[in-house]
Protein backbone atom coordinates (compact mmCIF):
# COMPACT_ATOMS: atom_id res chain seq x y z
CA MET A 1 -35.90 70.91 -109.00
CA GLN A 2 -38.27 69.94 -112.24
CA ASN A 3 -39.82 67.80 -109.47
CA ALA A 4 -40.32 71.16 -107.02
CA LEU A 5 -41.70 72.91 -110.13
CA LEU A 6 -43.98 70.51 -111.20
CA ASP A 7 -45.67 70.55 -107.64
CA TYR A 8 -45.42 74.07 -107.27
CA ALA A 9 -47.33 73.69 -110.94
CA ASP A 10 -50.02 71.16 -108.77
CA LEU A 11 -50.33 73.12 -106.22
CA ILE A 12 -51.32 76.36 -107.62
CA SER A 13 -53.39 74.39 -109.53
CA LEU A 14 -54.87 73.30 -106.65
CA LEU A 15 -55.32 76.22 -104.83
CA THR A 16 -57.10 77.26 -108.47
CA ALA A 17 -59.66 74.82 -108.22
CA VAL A 18 -60.14 75.43 -104.45
CA GLY A 19 -60.64 79.13 -104.94
CA THR A 20 -62.54 78.87 -108.06
CA PHE A 21 -64.89 76.57 -105.48
CA VAL A 22 -65.25 78.73 -103.07
CA ALA A 23 -65.77 82.16 -105.54
CA ILE A 24 -68.75 79.67 -106.97
CA VAL A 25 -70.50 78.70 -103.42
CA ALA A 26 -70.08 82.01 -102.30
CA GLY A 27 -71.72 83.39 -105.26
CA VAL A 28 -74.78 80.97 -104.34
CA VAL A 29 -74.71 81.91 -101.65
CA GLU A 30 -75.00 85.57 -102.41
CA LEU A 31 -77.85 84.62 -104.94
CA ILE A 32 -79.97 82.76 -102.06
CA LYS A 33 -79.01 86.17 -99.97
CA ALA A 34 -80.64 88.47 -102.46
CA ARG A 35 -83.14 85.80 -103.30
CA ARG A 36 -84.33 85.86 -99.47
CA GLU A 37 -84.25 89.62 -99.16
CA HIS A 38 -86.13 90.01 -102.56
CA VAL A 39 -89.05 87.84 -101.27
CA ARG A 40 -88.79 89.50 -97.48
CA ALA A 41 -89.32 92.95 -99.65
CA LYS A 42 -91.85 91.57 -101.50
CA GLU A 43 -93.55 89.81 -98.33
CA GLN A 44 -93.88 93.64 -96.41
CA GLU A 45 -95.05 95.50 -99.47
CA PHE A 46 -98.00 93.54 -99.60
CA ASN A 47 -98.14 93.61 -95.91
CA SER A 48 -97.77 97.53 -96.04
CA SER A 49 -100.24 97.57 -99.00
CA TYR A 50 -102.72 95.17 -97.56
CA LEU A 51 -102.77 97.21 -93.98
CA THR A 52 -103.28 100.45 -94.88
CA ILE A 53 -105.94 99.34 -97.49
CA SER A 54 -107.48 97.15 -94.69
CA ASP A 55 -107.20 99.70 -91.30
CA ALA A 56 -108.93 102.53 -93.51
CA TYR A 57 -111.55 99.90 -95.19
CA HIS A 58 -112.34 98.63 -90.68
CA GLN A 59 -112.37 102.57 -89.82
CA LEU A 60 -114.93 103.19 -92.65
CA LEU A 61 -117.15 100.14 -91.06
CA GLU A 62 -116.34 101.33 -87.41
CA LEU A 63 -117.59 104.95 -87.90
CA SER A 64 -120.97 103.52 -90.27
CA VAL A 65 -121.91 101.75 -87.09
CA GLU A 66 -123.19 104.80 -85.62
CA TYR A 67 -124.94 105.95 -88.92
CA PRO A 68 -126.21 103.20 -89.85
CA HIS A 69 -129.65 104.81 -91.44
CA LEU A 70 -127.25 106.37 -93.97
CA GLY A 71 -127.14 103.02 -96.17
CA ILE A 72 -123.70 103.71 -97.50
CA PHE A 73 -122.61 100.03 -98.48
CA PRO A 74 -124.40 98.11 -101.43
CA TRP A 75 -125.69 95.67 -99.50
CA GLN A 76 -128.20 98.43 -97.49
CA GLU A 77 -131.25 100.29 -98.93
CA GLU A 78 -131.10 103.37 -100.38
CA PRO A 79 -132.82 106.00 -97.36
CA ALA A 80 -135.55 107.46 -98.22
CA ASP A 81 -135.55 110.80 -95.97
CA LEU A 82 -132.19 111.85 -95.55
CA SER A 83 -131.24 115.78 -92.65
CA PRO A 84 -128.90 118.23 -94.27
CA ASP A 85 -126.37 116.69 -91.74
CA ASP A 86 -127.02 113.04 -92.75
CA LEU A 87 -126.17 113.79 -96.97
CA VAL A 88 -123.07 115.63 -95.70
CA ARG A 89 -122.10 112.38 -93.50
CA ARG A 90 -122.78 110.17 -96.41
CA ASP A 91 -120.74 112.04 -98.82
CA ILE A 92 -118.03 112.44 -96.80
CA PHE A 93 -118.52 108.15 -95.82
CA TYR A 94 -118.52 107.98 -99.81
CA GLU A 95 -115.24 110.26 -100.03
CA MET A 96 -113.69 107.44 -97.91
CA MET A 97 -114.72 104.69 -99.98
CA ILE A 98 -113.72 106.16 -103.16
CA SER A 99 -110.26 107.04 -101.73
CA ILE A 100 -110.37 103.02 -100.54
CA PHE A 101 -111.22 101.84 -103.75
CA GLU A 102 -108.86 104.04 -105.67
CA ARG A 103 -105.99 102.73 -103.10
CA ALA A 104 -106.98 99.05 -103.84
CA TYR A 105 -106.77 100.19 -107.66
CA LEU A 106 -103.31 101.70 -107.03
CA GLU A 107 -102.08 98.69 -105.05
CA ARG A 108 -103.37 95.76 -106.86
CA HIS A 109 -99.88 95.15 -109.13
CA LYS A 110 -97.77 95.00 -106.43
CA THR A 111 -97.95 91.72 -105.81
CA PRO A 112 -99.35 88.70 -107.06
CA GLU A 113 -102.35 88.04 -103.53
CA ILE A 114 -103.55 91.34 -103.88
CA ALA A 115 -103.78 91.31 -107.20
CA GLU A 116 -105.15 87.37 -107.48
CA HIS A 117 -107.40 87.29 -103.96
CA PHE A 118 -108.19 90.77 -103.31
CA TRP A 119 -109.16 92.79 -105.78
CA PRO A 120 -111.51 90.70 -107.42
CA GLY A 121 -113.47 91.25 -104.71
CA TRP A 122 -112.54 95.19 -104.16
CA GLU A 123 -113.37 95.38 -108.43
CA THR A 124 -117.08 93.61 -107.23
CA PHE A 125 -117.12 95.77 -104.45
CA LEU A 126 -116.87 98.89 -106.39
CA ARG A 127 -119.53 98.01 -109.62
CA ARG A 128 -122.08 97.37 -106.99
CA GLN A 129 -121.62 100.33 -105.40
CA ILE A 130 -121.58 102.65 -108.86
CA GLU A 131 -125.15 101.03 -108.71
CA LYS A 132 -126.28 103.05 -105.82
CA PRO A 133 -128.02 106.37 -107.39
CA SER A 134 -127.06 108.21 -104.33
CA PHE A 135 -123.13 106.80 -104.89
CA ARG A 136 -123.74 107.63 -108.65
CA LYS A 137 -124.74 111.39 -107.95
CA TYR A 138 -122.26 112.29 -105.13
CA TRP A 139 -119.38 110.74 -107.29
CA GLY A 140 -120.38 112.77 -110.17
CA ILE A 141 -117.89 110.59 -112.19
CA PHE A 142 -120.26 110.07 -114.96
CA ASP A 143 -121.31 113.75 -115.29
CA GLY A 144 -118.94 114.56 -118.26
CA GLU A 145 -115.24 115.25 -119.08
CA GLY A 146 -113.39 117.01 -116.52
CA ALA A 147 -116.07 116.62 -113.83
CA PHE A 148 -114.08 114.12 -111.52
CA GLY A 149 -110.57 114.71 -111.73
CA ALA A 150 -109.58 114.52 -107.86
CA TYR A 151 -108.64 111.11 -108.42
CA ASP A 152 -105.53 108.93 -110.49
CA LYS A 153 -106.44 109.16 -113.76
CA ARG A 154 -106.34 105.09 -114.47
CA PHE A 155 -108.60 104.97 -111.15
CA GLU A 156 -110.90 106.70 -112.65
CA ALA A 157 -111.02 105.86 -116.70
CA PHE A 158 -111.15 102.04 -114.97
CA ALA A 159 -114.35 103.24 -113.01
CA LYS A 160 -116.35 104.94 -116.39
CA ARG A 161 -115.47 101.54 -117.97
CA LEU A 162 -117.09 99.16 -115.26
CA ASP A 163 -120.11 102.16 -115.17
CA GLY A 164 -120.35 101.18 -118.74
CA GLY A 165 -120.07 97.07 -118.11
CA LEU A 166 -123.36 97.70 -115.88
CA PRO A 167 -126.16 96.24 -116.81
CA GLY A 168 -128.82 98.77 -117.16
CA GLN A 169 -126.20 101.76 -117.20
CA ASP A 170 -125.45 103.82 -119.98
CA GLY A 171 -122.21 104.80 -119.26
CA VAL A 172 -122.66 108.40 -120.42
């Protein structure tokens, strides 16, 4: 009888050890699944963020092909003389551009890829765009407190700091 009890105790110990091993393996498998899901969610977040910004920018590029004389990009000359209709078109293009800048600014911390690889280029683009007199005039961000107000306040504050850091700009 005592032998049977020892065998029974050994069996219970063996089952406990096997059960513990199975639980550990199941836990590791769940951790691996959770990590994969996290990575997949981050990839989807990056793709969604990037594609939204990219699609809006490509739409702006496509529209600007129809109106190259408006000179909306930093690498284009400022047009000397635009019709009233063209001034309205240029303002609409600038509004689209500001919206893209704001979205890029707000998305920059969602994934390391955007922050490290895409945002620096957008920041440089915005910095150069702010140097355009027609853009500064339209945007009105530098005309005093409360003049801007249509965008995320963090983005507005960032743009104001950018302006103050530009050579030849007084940041007012």
